[in-house]
Amino acid sequence: MKTTFFALCFLCFTGAAFGQASIAATSSIDSQPQVYEFRSHQGRASQQGMGQEQNLLGVAGYSQAHGVIPLWEVITPSRVTPLGDAARLLKKEHATAKKADIVWNN
């Protein structure tokens, strides 16, 4: 039973391999490049009057502000802890942390 199954699989796989090779050899795909020509558009760019004004905000009102505020007046710089300092702090916390009262030895 196993040998019959193996032989059947072997024939199917080899047939598929040779089938792909024969399809590639007799392919109907042409290797010549195809050049596409597009029709020219009749409406070319020309000078004309301005269009009608449109409100992009929809129904909302219009607001405008004047003046410039420097960034240092608005945002305070964030304090970044260096990685080494954070590691030292975690090591100290680990050393002072409460240890287990019972130690199990199995």
PDB file of N, CA and C in Angstrom:
ATOM      1  N   MET A   1       0.827  -1.185   0.000  1.00  0.00           N
ATOM      2  CA  MET A   1       0.000   0.000   0.000  1.00  0.00           C
ATOM      3  C   MET A   1       0.876   1.256   0.000  1.00  0.00           C
ATOM      4  N   LYS A   2       1.935   1.227   0.826  1.00  0.00           N
ATOM      5  CA  LYS A   2       2.814   2.391   0.896  1.00  0.00           C
ATOM      6  C   LYS A   2       3.562   2.586  -0.416  1.00  0.00           C
ATOM      7  N   THR A   3       3.998   1.508  -1.017  1.00  0.00           N
ATOM      8  CA  THR A   3       4.740   1.635  -2.275  1.00  0.00           C
ATOM      9  C   THR A   3       3.842   2.138  -3.393  1.00  0.00           C
ATOM     10  N   THR A   4       2.571   1.713  -3.396  1.00  0.00           N
ATOM     11  CA  THR A   4       1.641   2.188  -4.413  1.00  0.00           C
ATOM     12  C   THR A   4       1.382   3.687  -4.244  1.00  0.00           C
ATOM     13  N   PHE A   5       1.193   4.096  -2.994  1.00  0.00           N
ATOM     14  CA  PHE A   5       0.977   5.514  -2.701  1.00  0.00           C
ATOM     15  C   PHE A   5       2.205   6.335  -3.085  1.00  0.00           C
ATOM     16  N   PHE A   6       3.403   5.822  -2.769  1.00  0.00           N
ATOM     17  CA  PHE A   6       4.642   6.515  -3.120  1.00  0.00           C
ATOM     18  C   PHE A   6       4.790   6.636  -4.627  1.00  0.00           C
ATOM     19  N   ALA A   7       4.496   5.570  -5.344  1.00  0.00           N
ATOM     20  CA  ALA A   7       4.616   5.584  -6.806  1.00  0.00           C
ATOM     21  C   ALA A   7       3.624   6.575  -7.413  1.00  0.00           C
ATOM     22  N   LEU A   8       2.408   6.609  -6.878  1.00  0.00           N
ATOM     23  CA  LEU A   8       1.398   7.542  -7.380  1.00  0.00           C
ATOM     24  C   LEU A   8       1.838   8.994  -7.149  1.00  0.00           C
ATOM     25  N   CYS A   9       2.338   9.277  -5.951  1.00  0.00           N
ATOM     26  CA  CYS A   9       2.826  10.634  -5.660  1.00  0.00           C
ATOM     27  C   CYS A   9       4.006  10.996  -6.542  1.00  0.00           C
ATOM     28  N   PHE A  10       4.906  10.073  -6.749  1.00  0.00           N
ATOM     29  CA  PHE A  10       6.080  10.309  -7.579  1.00  0.00           C
ATOM     30  C   PHE A  10       5.664  10.650  -9.006  1.00  0.00           C
ATOM     31  N   LEU A  11       4.710   9.899  -9.550  1.00  0.00           N
ATOM     32  CA  LEU A  11       4.249  10.156 -10.916  1.00  0.00           C
ATOM     33  C   LEU A  11       3.536  11.508 -11.022  1.00  0.00           C
ATOM     34  N   CYS A  12       2.749  11.838 -10.001  1.00  0.00           N
ATOM     35  CA  CYS A  12       2.049  13.127 -10.036  1.00  0.00           C
ATOM     36  C   CYS A  12       3.033  14.288  -9.990  1.00  0.00           C
ATOM     37  N   PHE A  13       4.038  14.206  -9.108  1.00  0.00           N
ATOM     38  CA  PHE A  13       5.001  15.299  -8.983  1.00  0.00           C
ATOM     39  C   PHE A  13       5.886  15.427 -10.214  1.00  0.00           C
ATOM     40  N   THR A  14       6.321  14.313 -10.772  1.00  0.00           N
ATOM     41  CA  THR A  14       7.152  14.406 -11.978  1.00  0.00           C
ATOM     42  C   THR A  14       6.323  14.898 -13.154  1.00  0.00           C
ATOM     43  N   GLY A  15       5.076  14.462 -13.236  1.00  0.00           N
ATOM     44  CA  GLY A  15       4.203  14.949 -14.307  1.00  0.00           C
ATOM     45  C   GLY A  15       3.972  16.440 -14.196  1.00  0.00           C
ATOM     46  N   ALA A  16       3.798  16.930 -12.967  1.00  0.00           N
ATOM     47  CA  ALA A  16       3.608  18.357 -12.771  1.00  0.00           C
ATOM     48  C   ALA A  16       4.872  19.123 -13.146  1.00  0.00           C
ATOM     49  N   ALA A  17       6.028  18.576 -12.810  1.00  0.00           N
ATOM     50  CA  ALA A  17       7.286  19.251 -13.141  1.00  0.00           C
ATOM     51  C   ALA A  17       7.481  19.310 -14.652  1.00  0.00           C
ATOM     52  N   PHE A  18       7.239  18.203 -15.339  1.00  0.00           N
ATOM     53  CA  PHE A  18       7.385  18.213 -16.793  1.00  0.00           C
ATOM     54  C   PHE A  18       6.292  19.043 -17.445  1.00  0.00           C
ATOM     55  N   GLY A  19       5.130  19.091 -16.832  1.00  0.00           N
ATOM     56  CA  GLY A  19       4.046  19.902 -17.367  1.00  0.00           C
ATOM     57  C   GLY A  19       4.385  21.378 -17.315  1.00  0.00           C
ATOM     58  N   GLN A  20       5.022  21.812 -16.231  1.00  0.00           N
ATOM     59  CA  GLN A  20       5.426  23.207 -16.133  1.00  0.00           C
ATOM     60  C   GLN A  20       6.493  23.531 -17.155  1.00  0.00           C
ATOM     61  N   ALA A  21       7.417  22.602 -17.367  1.00  0.00           N
ATOM     62  CA  ALA A  21       8.484  22.831 -18.337  1.00  0.00           C
ATOM     63  C   ALA A  21       7.911  22.926 -19.741  1.00  0.00           C
ATOM     64  N   SER A  22       6.944  22.062 -20.069  1.00  0.00           N
ATOM     65  CA  SER A  22       6.388  22.100 -21.417  1.00  0.00           C
ATOM     66  C   SER A  22       5.536  23.347 -21.622  1.00  0.00           C
ATOM     67  N   ILE A  23       4.866  23.810 -20.571  1.00  0.00           N
ATOM     68  CA  ILE A  23       4.082  25.032 -20.691  1.00  0.00           C
ATOM     69  C   ILE A  23       5.005  26.226 -20.910  1.00  0.00           C
ATOM     70  N   ALA A  24       6.145  26.227 -20.212  1.00  0.00           N
ATOM     71  CA  ALA A  24       7.082  27.341 -20.369  1.00  0.00           C
ATOM     72  C   ALA A  24       7.692  27.341 -21.761  1.00  0.00           C
ATOM     73  N   ALA A  25       7.922  26.149 -22.322  1.00  0.00           N
ATOM     74  CA  ALA A  25       8.541  26.072 -23.642  1.00  0.00           C
ATOM     75  C   ALA A  25       7.564  26.473 -24.730  1.00  0.00           C
ATOM     76  N   THR A  26       6.285  26.151 -24.573  1.00  0.00           N
ATOM     77  CA  THR A  26       5.304  26.441 -25.610  1.00  0.00           C
ATOM     78  C   THR A  26       4.419  27.619 -25.218  1.00  0.00           C
ATOM     79  N   SER A  27       4.946  28.513 -24.439  1.00  0.00           N
ATOM     80  CA  SER A  27       4.160  29.637 -23.947  1.00  0.00           C
ATOM     81  C   SER A  27       3.770  30.556 -25.090  1.00  0.00           C
ATOM     82  N   SER A  28       2.576  31.114 -25.006  1.00  0.00           N
ATOM     83  CA  SER A  28       2.103  32.014 -26.047  1.00  0.00           C
ATOM     84  C   SER A  28       2.387  33.472 -25.696  1.00  0.00           C
ATOM     85  N   ILE A  29       3.144  33.716 -24.643  1.00  0.00           N
ATOM     86  CA  ILE A  29       3.476  35.081 -24.261  1.00  0.00           C
ATOM     87  C   ILE A  29       4.574  35.596 -25.186  1.00  0.00           C
ATOM     88  N   ASP A  30       4.334  36.733 -25.766  1.00  0.00           N
ATOM     89  CA  ASP A  30       5.293  37.309 -26.697  1.00  0.00           C
ATOM     90  C   ASP A  30       6.340  38.099 -25.926  1.00  0.00           C
ATOM     91  N   SER A  31       7.591  37.966 -26.302  1.00  0.00           N
ATOM     92  CA  SER A  31       8.662  38.651 -25.591  1.00  0.00           C
ATOM     93  C   SER A  31       8.934  40.048 -26.150  1.00  0.00           C
ATOM     94  N   GLN A  32       8.203  40.440 -27.167  1.00  0.00           N
ATOM     95  CA  GLN A  32       8.397  41.759 -27.752  1.00  0.00           C
ATOM     96  C   GLN A  32       7.717  42.812 -26.877  1.00  0.00           C
ATOM     97  N   PRO A  33       8.331  43.982 -26.716  1.00  0.00           N
ATOM     98  CA  PRO A  33       7.705  45.023 -25.891  1.00  0.00           C
ATOM     99  C   PRO A  33       6.463  45.580 -26.575  1.00  0.00           C
ATOM    100  N   GLN A  34       5.490  45.940 -25.774  1.00  0.00           N
ATOM    101  CA  GLN A  34       4.272  46.529 -26.298  1.00  0.00           C
ATOM    102  C   GLN A  34       4.287  48.018 -25.976  1.00  0.00           C
ATOM    103  N   VAL A  35       4.143  48.833 -26.993  1.00  0.00           N
ATOM    104  CA  VAL A  35       4.165  50.273 -26.828  1.00  0.00           C
ATOM    105  C   VAL A  35       2.723  50.768 -26.820  1.00  0.00           C
ATOM    106  N   TYR A  36       2.356  51.483 -25.785  1.00  0.00           N
ATOM    107  CA  TYR A  36       1.012  52.019 -25.677  1.00  0.00           C
ATOM    108  C   TYR A  36       1.016  53.475 -26.099  1.00  0.00           C
ATOM    109  N   GLU A  37       0.062  53.843 -26.925  1.00  0.00           N
ATOM    110  CA  GLU A  37      -0.093  55.236 -27.333  1.00  0.00           C
ATOM    111  C   GLU A  37      -1.409  55.743 -26.766  1.00  0.00           C
ATOM    112  N   PHE A  38      -1.335  56.836 -26.032  1.00  0.00           N
ATOM    113  CA  PHE A  38      -2.513  57.404 -25.411  1.00  0.00           C
ATOM    114  C   PHE A  38      -3.061  58.522 -26.285  1.00  0.00           C
ATOM    115  N   ARG A  39      -4.362  58.643 -26.303  1.00  0.00           N
ATOM    116  CA  ARG A  39      -4.991  59.711 -27.068  1.00  0.00           C
ATOM    117  C   ARG A  39      -4.705  61.044 -26.395  1.00  0.00           C
ATOM    118  N   SER A  40      -4.558  62.061 -27.181  1.00  0.00           N
ATOM    119  CA  SER A  40      -4.311  63.375 -26.592  1.00  0.00           C
ATOM    120  C   SER A  40      -5.643  63.933 -26.089  1.00  0.00           C
ATOM    121  N   HIS A  41      -5.565  64.699 -25.038  1.00  0.00           N
ATOM    122  CA  HIS A  41      -6.755  65.272 -24.428  1.00  0.00           C
ATOM    123  C   HIS A  41      -7.059  66.595 -25.111  1.00  0.00           C
ATOM    124  N   GLN A  42      -8.319  66.790 -25.478  1.00  0.00           N
ATOM    125  CA  GLN A  42      -8.694  67.982 -26.238  1.00  0.00           C
ATOM    126  C   GLN A  42      -8.711  69.234 -25.362  1.00  0.00           C
ATOM    127  N   GLY A  43      -9.077  69.098 -24.099  1.00  0.00           N
ATOM    128  CA  GLY A  43      -9.127  70.260 -23.215  1.00  0.00           C
ATOM    129  C   GLY A  43      -7.757  70.563 -22.653  1.00  0.00           C
ATOM    130  N   ARG A  44      -7.044  71.478 -23.268  1.00  0.00           N
ATOM    131  CA  ARG A  44      -5.699  71.819 -22.821  1.00  0.00           C
ATOM    132  C   ARG A  44      -5.749  72.973 -21.831  1.00  0.00           C
ATOM    133  N   ALA A  45      -4.658  73.174 -21.130  1.00  0.00           N
ATOM    134  CA  ALA A  45      -4.589  74.260 -20.159  1.00  0.00           C
ATOM    135  C   ALA A  45      -4.606  75.595 -20.887  1.00  0.00           C
ATOM    136  N   SER A  46      -5.445  76.479 -20.407  1.00  0.00           N
ATOM    137  CA  SER A  46      -5.521  77.811 -20.996  1.00  0.00           C
ATOM    138  C   SER A  46      -5.812  78.806 -19.885  1.00  0.00           C
ATOM    139  N   GLN A  47      -5.546  80.061 -20.171  1.00  0.00           N
ATOM    140  CA  GLN A  47      -5.752  81.105 -19.181  1.00  0.00           C
ATOM    141  C   GLN A  47      -7.223  81.491 -19.158  1.00  0.00           C
ATOM    142  N   GLN A  48      -7.785  81.526 -17.948  1.00  0.00           N
ATOM    143  CA  GLN A  48      -9.193  81.876 -17.815  1.00  0.00           C
ATOM    144  C   GLN A  48      -9.412  82.560 -16.481  1.00  0.00           C
ATOM    145  N   GLY A  49     -10.597  83.030 -16.236  1.00  0.00           N
ATOM    146  CA  GLY A  49     -10.915  83.761 -15.022  1.00  0.00           C
ATOM    147  C   GLY A  49     -10.920  82.848 -13.798  1.00  0.00           C
ATOM    148  N   MET A  50     -10.861  83.479 -12.624  1.00  0.00           N
ATOM    149  CA  MET A  50     -10.875  82.729 -11.368  1.00  0.00           C
ATOM    150  C   MET A  50     -12.235  82.086 -11.161  1.00  0.00           C
ATOM    151  N   GLY A  51     -12.247  80.958 -10.457  1.00  0.00           N
ATOM    152  CA  GLY A  51     -13.495  80.267 -10.170  1.00  0.00           C
ATOM    153  C   GLY A  51     -14.226  80.898  -9.001  1.00  0.00           C
ATOM    154  N   GLN A  52     -15.380  80.363  -8.682  1.00  0.00           N
ATOM    155  CA  GLN A  52     -16.192  80.849  -7.580  1.00  0.00           C
ATOM    156  C   GLN A  52     -15.533  80.492  -6.255  1.00  0.00           C
ATOM    157  N   GLU A  53     -15.575  81.389  -5.287  1.00  0.00           N
ATOM    158  CA  GLU A  53     -14.968  81.159  -3.978  1.00  0.00           C
ATOM    159  C   GLU A  53     -15.760  80.091  -3.230  1.00  0.00           C
ATOM    160  N   GLN A  54     -15.037  79.167  -2.568  1.00  0.00           N
ATOM    161  CA  GLN A  54     -15.673  78.095  -1.809  1.00  0.00           C
ATOM    162  C   GLN A  54     -15.090  78.073  -0.411  1.00  0.00           C
ATOM    163  N   ASN A  55     -15.934  77.873   0.602  1.00  0.00           N
ATOM    164  CA  ASN A  55     -15.483  77.773   1.982  1.00  0.00           C
ATOM    165  C   ASN A  55     -15.118  76.317   2.266  1.00  0.00           C
ATOM    166  N   LEU A  56     -13.866  76.053   2.544  1.00  0.00           N
ATOM    167  CA  LEU A  56     -13.423  74.688   2.821  1.00  0.00           C
ATOM    168  C   LEU A  56     -13.780  74.233   4.222  1.00  0.00           C
ATOM    169  N   LEU A  57     -14.074  75.170   5.126  1.00  0.00           N
ATOM    170  CA  LEU A  57     -14.406  74.825   6.498  1.00  0.00           C
ATOM    171  C   LEU A  57     -15.857  74.400   6.647  1.00  0.00           C
ATOM    172  N   GLY A  58     -16.646  74.529   5.636  1.00  0.00           N
ATOM    173  CA  GLY A  58     -18.058  74.177   5.724  1.00  0.00           C
ATOM    174  C   GLY A  58     -18.842  75.269   6.395  1.00  0.00           C
ATOM    175  N   VAL A  59     -19.568  74.946   7.482  1.00  0.00           N
ATOM    176  CA  VAL A  59     -20.417  75.899   8.169  1.00  0.00           C
ATOM    177  C   VAL A  59     -19.643  76.649   9.244  1.00  0.00           C
ATOM    178  N   ALA A  60     -18.493  76.133   9.650  1.00  0.00           N
ATOM    179  CA  ALA A  60     -17.726  76.730  10.741  1.00  0.00           C
ATOM    180  C   ALA A  60     -17.272  78.138  10.367  1.00  0.00           C
ATOM    181  N   GLY A  61     -17.059  78.945  11.399  1.00  0.00           N
ATOM    182  CA  GLY A  61     -16.621  80.321  11.192  1.00  0.00           C
ATOM    183  C   GLY A  61     -15.139  80.392  10.855  1.00  0.00           C
ATOM    184  N   TYR A  62     -14.706  81.606  10.655  1.00  0.00           N
ATOM    185  CA  TYR A  62     -13.316  81.852  10.275  1.00  0.00           C
ATOM    186  C   TYR A  62     -12.587  82.461  11.459  1.00  0.00           C
ATOM    187  N   SER A  63     -11.411  81.963  11.781  1.00  0.00           N
ATOM    188  CA  SER A  63     -10.631  82.537  12.874  1.00  0.00           C
ATOM    189  C   SER A  63      -9.218  82.787  12.387  1.00  0.00           C
ATOM    190  N   GLN A  64      -8.608  83.846  12.949  1.00  0.00           N
ATOM    191  CA  GLN A  64      -7.266  84.212  12.540  1.00  0.00           C
ATOM    192  C   GLN A  64      -6.530  84.736  13.755  1.00  0.00           C
ATOM    193  N   ALA A  65      -5.258  84.407  13.878  1.00  0.00           N
ATOM    194  CA  ALA A  65      -4.455  84.871  15.005  1.00  0.00           C
ATOM    195  C   ALA A  65      -3.201  85.540  14.475  1.00  0.00           C
ATOM    196  N   HIS A  66      -2.734  86.512  15.237  1.00  0.00           N
ATOM    197  CA  HIS A  66      -1.523  87.231  14.857  1.00  0.00           C
ATOM    198  C   HIS A  66      -0.491  87.078  15.954  1.00  0.00           C
ATOM    199  N   GLY A  67       0.759  87.099  15.583  1.00  0.00           N
ATOM    200  CA  GLY A  67       1.835  87.042  16.550  1.00  0.00           C
ATOM    201  C   GLY A  67       2.446  85.653  16.620  1.00  0.00           C
ATOM    202  N   VAL A  68       3.627  85.617  17.205  1.00  0.00           N
ATOM    203  CA  VAL A  68       4.356  84.365  17.327  1.00  0.00           C
ATOM    204  C   VAL A  68       4.818  84.221  18.755  1.00  0.00           C
ATOM    205  N   ILE A  69       4.565  83.057  19.360  1.00  0.00           N
ATOM    206  CA  ILE A  69       5.046  82.766  20.710  1.00  0.00           C
ATOM    207  C   ILE A  69       6.182  81.763  20.568  1.00  0.00           C
ATOM    208  N   PRO A  70       7.328  82.048  21.172  1.00  0.00           N
ATOM    209  CA  PRO A  70       8.424  81.091  21.094  1.00  0.00           C
ATOM    210  C   PRO A  70       8.047  79.774  21.766  1.00  0.00           C
ATOM    211  N   LEU A  71       8.579  78.701  21.266  1.00  0.00           N
ATOM    212  CA  LEU A  71       8.244  77.380  21.771  1.00  0.00           C
ATOM    213  C   LEU A  71       8.667  77.207  23.222  1.00  0.00           C
ATOM    214  N   TRP A  72       9.756  77.832  23.640  1.00  0.00           N
ATOM    215  CA  TRP A  72      10.232  77.652  25.011  1.00  0.00           C
ATOM    216  C   TRP A  72       9.291  78.278  26.031  1.00  0.00           C
ATOM    217  N   GLU A  73       8.419  79.211  25.605  1.00  0.00           N
ATOM    218  CA  GLU A  73       7.455  79.792  26.517  1.00  0.00           C
ATOM    219  C   GLU A  73       6.221  78.906  26.691  1.00  0.00           C
ATOM    220  N   VAL A  74       5.936  78.073  25.736  1.00  0.00           N
ATOM    221  CA  VAL A  74       4.723  77.271  25.749  1.00  0.00           C
ATOM    222  C   VAL A  74       4.974  75.874  26.329  1.00  0.00           C
ATOM    223  N   ILE A  75       6.040  75.219  25.890  1.00  0.00           N
ATOM    224  CA  ILE A  75       6.288  73.830  26.262  1.00  0.00           C
ATOM    225  C   ILE A  75       7.521  73.744  27.147  1.00  0.00           C
ATOM    226  N   THR A  76       7.366  73.051  28.268  1.00  0.00           N
ATOM    227  CA  THR A  76       8.531  72.814  29.124  1.00  0.00           C
ATOM    228  C   THR A  76       9.235  71.548  28.650  1.00  0.00           C
ATOM    229  N   PRO A  77      10.563  71.547  28.624  1.00  0.00           N
ATOM    230  CA  PRO A  77      11.272  70.348  28.156  1.00  0.00           C
ATOM    231  C   PRO A  77      11.061  69.183  29.122  1.00  0.00           C
ATOM    232  N   SER A  78      10.908  68.007  28.574  1.00  0.00           N
ATOM    233  CA  SER A  78      10.688  66.824  29.408  1.00  0.00           C
ATOM    234  C   SER A  78      12.028  66.312  29.927  1.00  0.00           C
ATOM    235  N   ARG A  79      12.011  65.785  31.127  1.00  0.00           N
ATOM    236  CA  ARG A  79      13.219  65.249  31.758  1.00  0.00           C
ATOM    237  C   ARG A  79      13.357  63.799  31.342  1.00  0.00           C
ATOM    238  N   VAL A  80      14.457  63.473  30.696  1.00  0.00           N
ATOM    239  CA  VAL A  80      14.714  62.114  30.252  1.00  0.00           C
ATOM    240  C   VAL A  80      15.766  61.502  31.158  1.00  0.00           C
ATOM    241  N   THR A  81      15.421  60.402  31.816  1.00  0.00           N
ATOM    242  CA  THR A  81      16.359  59.717  32.701  1.00  0.00           C
ATOM    243  C   THR A  81      17.280  58.841  31.858  1.00  0.00           C
ATOM    244  N   PRO A  82      18.600  58.983  32.015  1.00  0.00           N
ATOM    245  CA  PRO A  82      19.510  58.130  31.258  1.00  0.00           C
ATOM    246  C   PRO A  82      19.307  56.660  31.615  1.00  0.00           C
ATOM    247  N   LEU A  83      19.598  55.794  30.677  1.00  0.00           N
ATOM    248  CA  LEU A  83      19.380  54.363  30.857  1.00  0.00           C
ATOM    249  C   LEU A  83      20.227  53.797  31.994  1.00  0.00           C
ATOM    250  N   GLY A  84      21.453  54.273  32.144  1.00  0.00           N
ATOM    251  CA  GLY A  84      22.321  53.792  33.223  1.00  0.00           C
ATOM    252  C   GLY A  84      21.770  54.142  34.592  1.00  0.00           C
ATOM    253  N   ASP A  85      21.235  55.375  34.742  1.00  0.00           N
ATOM    254  CA  ASP A  85      20.647  55.783  36.020  1.00  0.00           C
ATOM    255  C   ASP A  85      19.407  54.960  36.341  1.00  0.00           C
ATOM    256  N   ALA A  86      18.597  54.677  35.327  1.00  0.00           N
ATOM    257  CA  ALA A  86      17.405  53.863  35.546  1.00  0.00           C
ATOM    258  C   ALA A  86      17.797  52.449  35.968  1.00  0.00           C
ATOM    259  N   ALA A  87      18.853  51.900  35.378  1.00  0.00           N
ATOM    260  CA  ALA A  87      19.302  50.552  35.741  1.00  0.00           C
ATOM    261  C   ALA A  87      19.835  50.536  37.175  1.00  0.00           C
ATOM    262  N   ARG A  88      20.582  51.569  37.577  1.00  0.00           N
ATOM    263  CA  ARG A  88      21.091  51.635  38.951  1.00  0.00           C
ATOM    264  C   ARG A  88      19.945  51.728  39.963  1.00  0.00           C
ATOM    265  N   LEU A  89      18.937  52.528  39.655  1.00  0.00           N
ATOM    266  CA  LEU A  89      17.785  52.669  40.531  1.00  0.00           C
ATOM    267  C   LEU A  89      17.043  51.339  40.683  1.00  0.00           C
ATOM    268  N   LEU A  90      16.845  50.615  39.584  1.00  0.00           N
ATOM    269  CA  LEU A  90      16.182  49.311  39.661  1.00  0.00           C
ATOM    270  C   LEU A  90      17.008  48.304  40.455  1.00  0.00           C
ATOM    271  N   LYS A  91      18.331  48.383  40.340  1.00  0.00           N
ATOM    272  CA  LYS A  91      19.199  47.472  41.086  1.00  0.00           C
ATOM    273  C   LYS A  91      19.097  47.751  42.581  1.00  0.00           C
ATOM    274  N   LYS A  92      19.047  49.041  42.971  1.00  0.00           N
ATOM    275  CA  LYS A  92      18.893  49.387  44.391  1.00  0.00           C
ATOM    276  C   LYS A  92      17.544  48.929  44.924  1.00  0.00           C
ATOM    277  N   GLU A  93      16.471  49.127  44.144  1.00  0.00           N
ATOM    278  CA  GLU A  93      15.146  48.677  44.565  1.00  0.00           C
ATOM    279  C   GLU A  93      15.103  47.164  44.727  1.00  0.00           C
ATOM    280  N   HIS A  94      15.779  46.450  43.843  1.00  0.00           N
ATOM    281  CA  HIS A  94      15.811  44.992  43.925  1.00  0.00           C
ATOM    282  C   HIS A  94      16.569  44.534  45.174  1.00  0.00           C
ATOM    283  N   ALA A  95      17.635  45.247  45.507  1.00  0.00           N
ATOM    284  CA  ALA A  95      18.430  44.846  46.682  1.00  0.00           C
ATOM    285  C   ALA A  95      17.670  45.114  47.977  1.00  0.00           C
ATOM    286  N   THR A  96      16.868  46.173  48.030  1.00  0.00           N
ATOM    287  CA  THR A  96      16.143  46.509  49.257  1.00  0.00           C
ATOM    288  C   THR A  96      14.743  45.898  49.311  1.00  0.00           C
ATOM    289  N   ALA A  97      14.334  45.184  48.267  1.00  0.00           N
ATOM    290  CA  ALA A  97      12.992  44.599  48.239  1.00  0.00           C
ATOM    291  C   ALA A  97      12.881  43.482  49.266  1.00  0.00           C
ATOM    292  N   LYS A  98      11.660  43.229  49.715  1.00  0.00           N
ATOM    293  CA  LYS A  98      11.392  42.195  50.709  1.00  0.00           C
ATOM    294  C   LYS A  98      11.642  40.826  50.076  1.00  0.00           C
ATOM    295  N   LYS A  99      12.376  40.003  50.803  1.00  0.00           N
ATOM    296  CA  LYS A  99      12.706  38.671  50.320  1.00  0.00           C
ATOM    297  C   LYS A  99      11.688  37.684  50.844  1.00  0.00           C
ATOM    298  N   ALA A 100      11.657  36.514  50.249  1.00  0.00           N
ATOM    299  CA  ALA A 100      10.733  35.457  50.681  1.00  0.00           C
ATOM    300  C   ALA A 100      11.159  34.915  52.039  1.00  0.00           C
ATOM    301  N   ASP A 101      10.195  34.622  52.914  1.00  0.00           N
ATOM    302  CA  ASP A 101      10.498  34.097  54.229  1.00  0.00           C
ATOM    303  C   ASP A 101      10.808  32.603  54.194  1.00  0.00           C
ATOM    304  N   ILE A 102      10.160  31.876  53.320  1.00  0.00           N
ATOM    305  CA  ILE A 102      10.335  30.430  53.266  1.00  0.00           C
ATOM    306  C   ILE A 102      11.057  30.072  51.986  1.00  0.00           C
ATOM    307  N   VAL A 103      12.059  29.240  52.094  1.00  0.00           N
ATOM    308  CA  VAL A 103      12.786  28.761  50.934  1.00  0.00           C
ATOM    309  C   VAL A 103      12.484  27.277  50.795  1.00  0.00           C
ATOM    310  N   TRP A 104      11.914  26.877  49.698  1.00  0.00           N
ATOM    311  CA  TRP A 104      11.563  25.483  49.474  1.00  0.00           C
ATOM    312  C   TRP A 104      12.686  24.795  48.722  1.00  0.00           C
ATOM    313  N   ASN A 105      13.129  23.674  49.214  1.00  0.00           N
ATOM    314  CA  ASN A 105      14.140  22.853  48.547  1.00  0.00           C
ATOM    315  C   ASN A 105      13.495  21.504  48.237  1.00  0.00           C
ATOM    316  N   ASN A 106      13.230  21.254  47.033  1.00  0.00           N
ATOM    317  CA  ASN A 106      12.600  19.986  46.636  1.00  0.00           C
ATOM    318  C   ASN A 106      13.639  18.977  46.256  1.00  0.00           C
TER     319      ASN A 106
END
